[in-house]
Amino acid sequence: MRNVEIKLRLSEEDVKRVESVCKELTGLDCSVLKQEDTFFHSNNGRLKLRKLESSAELIYYERPDQDGPKLSTFSIHRMELGEAQNLCSMLTSAMGTRGLVEKTRKLWLVGQTRVHVDHVTNLGWFMELEVVLEDEQATEEGEGIARDLMTKLGVDSTQLISKAYVDLLNEK
């Protein structure tokens, strides 16, 4: 699977505006997700085990560390929460962990874009735009969709960040 992703740092004021615009664009309130991501050492890309309230996902993804729109390729394996605990122990023993990211995610679907407003423990507020690409859709088209939505949401390129949350936490 592929998407074009943009990640930005938000202020409290930005959060209120983005939430309001997302509600206008979708006509819906957001979904709220509590997520705990354990990142493992990996020779390629990033590997994380995401625990949700009643299920879990093992996610492998490759994405360059750069500001602005970037292509991300990923695979997801969904499982029951009980299975995730055993898997986490095995992967920790075999690969070691890079870090733990705890966040509350507000999620809207705007067209083919997943808008995430994340409050990350010990980091603050962020937004991710994930334009989910169709098989035949060009990366450049996804980049255009992401930039257009950035404008609608009132955020700009000065807020872009290039790193994953786990990397930002590890720099603290």
Protein backbone atom coordinates (compact mmCIF):
# COMPACT_ATOMS: atom_id res chain seq x y z
CA MET A 1 0.00 0.00 0.00
CA ARG A 2 1.12 3.57 -0.64
CA ASN A 3 0.32 7.02 0.61
CA VAL A 4 1.73 10.53 0.44
CA GLU A 5 2.35 11.88 3.92
CA ILE A 6 2.92 15.33 5.39
CA LYS A 7 3.69 15.86 9.07
CA LEU A 8 3.47 19.25 10.81
CA ARG A 9 3.87 20.68 14.29
CA LEU A 10 0.73 22.49 15.56
CA SER A 11 0.04 25.15 18.16
CA GLU A 12 -3.08 25.04 20.37
CA GLU A 13 -4.59 27.70 18.07
CA ASP A 14 -3.81 25.58 15.00
CA VAL A 15 -5.50 22.56 16.60
CA LYS A 16 -8.76 24.47 17.11
CA ARG A 17 -8.76 25.80 13.54
CA VAL A 18 -7.87 22.44 11.95
CA GLU A 19 -10.58 20.65 13.95
CA SER A 20 -13.15 23.25 12.92
CA VAL A 21 -12.22 23.09 9.23
CA CYS A 22 -12.21 19.26 9.24
CA LYS A 23 -15.68 19.25 10.74
CA GLU A 24 -16.83 21.71 8.05
CA LEU A 25 -15.28 19.65 5.24
CA THR A 26 -16.69 16.31 6.42
CA GLY A 27 -19.84 17.29 8.30
CA LEU A 28 -18.71 14.87 10.99
CA ASP A 29 -17.01 14.80 14.35
CA CYS A 30 -13.68 13.02 14.54
CA SER A 31 -12.95 9.52 15.70
CA VAL A 32 -10.72 9.50 18.78
CA LEU A 33 -8.10 6.75 19.07
CA LYS A 34 -5.69 5.99 21.91
CA GLN A 35 -2.54 4.50 20.43
CA GLU A 36 0.65 3.05 21.90
CA ASP A 37 3.39 2.38 19.34
CA THR A 38 6.45 0.31 20.24
CA PHE A 39 9.21 0.81 17.65
CA PHE A 40 11.77 -1.93 17.05
CA HIS A 41 15.25 -1.76 15.57
CA SER A 42 15.07 -2.62 11.88
CA ASN A 43 17.69 -2.85 9.14
CA ASN A 44 15.28 -1.28 6.67
CA GLY A 45 12.44 1.17 7.18
CA ARG A 46 10.55 1.28 10.47
CA LEU A 47 8.73 -1.50 12.31
CA LYS A 48 6.20 -0.77 15.03
CA LEU A 49 3.59 -2.62 17.01
CA ARG A 50 0.54 -0.42 17.56
CA LYS A 51 -1.76 -1.25 20.45
CA LEU A 52 -5.26 0.18 20.24
CA GLU A 53 -8.03 -0.14 22.81
CA SER A 54 -9.25 -3.56 21.65
CA SER A 55 -6.88 -4.68 18.86
CA ALA A 56 -3.36 -4.24 17.56
CA GLU A 57 -1.42 -3.82 14.31
CA LEU A 58 2.12 -4.70 13.28
CA ILE A 59 3.14 -2.00 10.80
CA TYR A 60 6.22 -1.91 8.59
CA TYR A 61 6.83 1.22 6.55
CA GLU A 62 9.47 2.93 4.46
CA ARG A 63 9.48 6.71 4.15
CA PRO A 64 12.27 9.24 3.65
CA ASP A 65 13.02 11.72 6.44
CA GLN A 66 12.28 14.98 4.61
CA ASP A 67 10.06 18.00 5.04
CA GLY A 68 6.99 18.22 2.85
CA PRO A 69 5.10 15.53 0.97
CA LYS A 70 6.83 12.16 0.91
CA LEU A 71 5.87 8.78 -0.46
CA SER A 72 5.36 6.10 2.17
CA THR A 73 4.97 2.40 1.41
CA PHE A 74 3.60 0.21 4.17
CA SER A 75 2.22 -3.17 5.21
CA ILE A 76 -0.16 -3.81 8.11
CA HIS A 77 -0.94 -7.06 9.93
CA ARG A 78 -3.98 -6.78 12.24
CA MET A 79 -4.35 -8.97 15.33
CA GLU A 80 -6.06 -9.36 18.68
CA LEU A 81 -4.62 -7.46 21.62
CA GLY A 82 -3.60 -10.67 23.44
CA GLU A 83 -1.53 -11.81 20.47
CA ALA A 84 0.19 -8.41 20.36
CA GLN A 85 1.55 -8.75 23.89
CA ASN A 86 3.31 -12.01 23.04
CA LEU A 87 4.58 -10.63 19.74
CA CYS A 88 5.91 -7.50 21.46
CA SER A 89 7.91 -9.63 23.90
CA MET A 90 9.34 -11.74 21.07
CA LEU A 91 10.30 -8.76 18.91
CA THR A 92 11.83 -6.96 21.88
CA SER A 93 13.99 -9.99 22.66
CA ALA A 94 15.01 -10.51 19.03
CA MET A 95 15.45 -6.93 17.80
CA GLY A 96 15.42 -4.55 20.74
CA THR A 97 13.24 -1.45 20.98
CA ARG A 98 13.91 2.07 19.70
CA GLY A 99 11.20 3.71 21.76
CA LEU A 100 7.59 4.02 22.79
CA VAL A 101 5.16 6.61 21.41
CA GLU A 102 1.89 7.23 23.24
CA LYS A 103 -0.67 9.46 21.60
CA THR A 104 -4.30 10.42 21.33
CA ARG A 105 -5.29 10.69 17.68
CA LYS A 106 -8.26 12.60 16.30
CA LEU A 107 -9.10 11.23 12.87
CA TRP A 108 -11.13 12.56 9.97
CA LEU A 109 -11.39 11.21 6.42
CA VAL A 110 -11.42 14.10 3.92
CA GLY A 111 -11.84 12.59 0.47
CA GLN A 112 -8.97 10.13 0.12
CA THR A 113 -6.94 11.82 2.87
CA ARG A 114 -6.70 10.69 6.47
CA VAL A 115 -6.28 13.78 8.66
CA HIS A 116 -4.67 12.96 12.03
CA VAL A 117 -4.48 15.55 14.80
CA ASP A 118 -2.19 13.92 17.33
CA HIS A 119 -1.37 14.83 20.90
CA VAL A 120 1.88 12.95 21.55
CA THR A 121 2.91 12.44 25.17
CA ASN A 122 6.03 14.52 25.97
CA LEU A 123 6.02 16.17 22.52
CA GLY A 124 2.80 18.15 22.02
CA TRP A 125 0.45 18.64 19.07
CA PHE A 126 1.03 17.49 15.49
CA MET A 127 -0.93 16.86 12.32
CA GLU A 128 -0.41 14.19 9.70
CA LEU A 129 -2.03 14.21 6.29
CA GLU A 130 -2.02 10.79 4.64
CA VAL A 131 -3.28 10.80 1.07
CA VAL A 132 -4.09 7.13 0.38
CA LEU A 133 -3.09 6.53 -3.23
CA GLU A 134 -5.04 4.36 -5.65
CA ASP A 135 -2.98 1.73 -7.49
CA GLU A 136 -2.79 3.79 -10.67
CA GLN A 137 -2.49 7.19 -8.99
CA ALA A 138 0.78 9.10 -9.38
CA THR A 139 2.72 10.29 -6.34
CA GLU A 140 2.62 13.85 -7.74
CA GLU A 141 -1.18 13.83 -7.69
CA GLY A 142 -1.15 12.81 -4.02
CA GLU A 143 1.35 15.59 -3.27
CA GLY A 144 -1.00 18.11 -4.90
CA ILE A 145 -3.96 16.87 -2.85
CA ALA A 146 -1.90 17.16 0.35
CA ARG A 147 -0.70 20.69 -0.43
CA ASP A 148 -4.24 21.81 -1.30
CA LEU A 149 -5.56 20.43 1.99
CA MET A 150 -2.72 22.14 3.89
CA THR A 151 -3.93 25.45 2.46
CA LYS A 152 -7.57 24.74 3.35
CA LEU A 153 -6.53 23.87 6.91
CA GLY A 154 -4.52 27.08 7.29
CA VAL A 155 -1.10 25.52 7.89
CA ASP A 156 2.08 26.27 5.98
CA SER A 157 5.49 24.89 5.14
CA THR A 158 7.18 26.56 8.15
CA GLN A 159 5.42 23.96 10.34
CA LEU A 160 6.67 20.90 8.43
CA ILE A 161 8.75 18.30 10.23
CA SER A 162 10.75 15.48 8.69
CA LYS A 163 11.10 12.97 11.52
CA ALA A 164 8.94 10.28 13.06
CA TYR A 165 7.63 10.86 16.59
CA VAL A 166 9.95 8.18 17.96
CA ASP A 167 12.97 10.03 16.55
CA LEU A 168 11.81 13.33 18.08
CA LEU A 169 11.35 11.62 21.46
CA ASN A 170 14.78 10.00 21.25
CA GLU A 171 16.36 13.44 20.65
CA LYS A 172 14.97 14.78 23.95
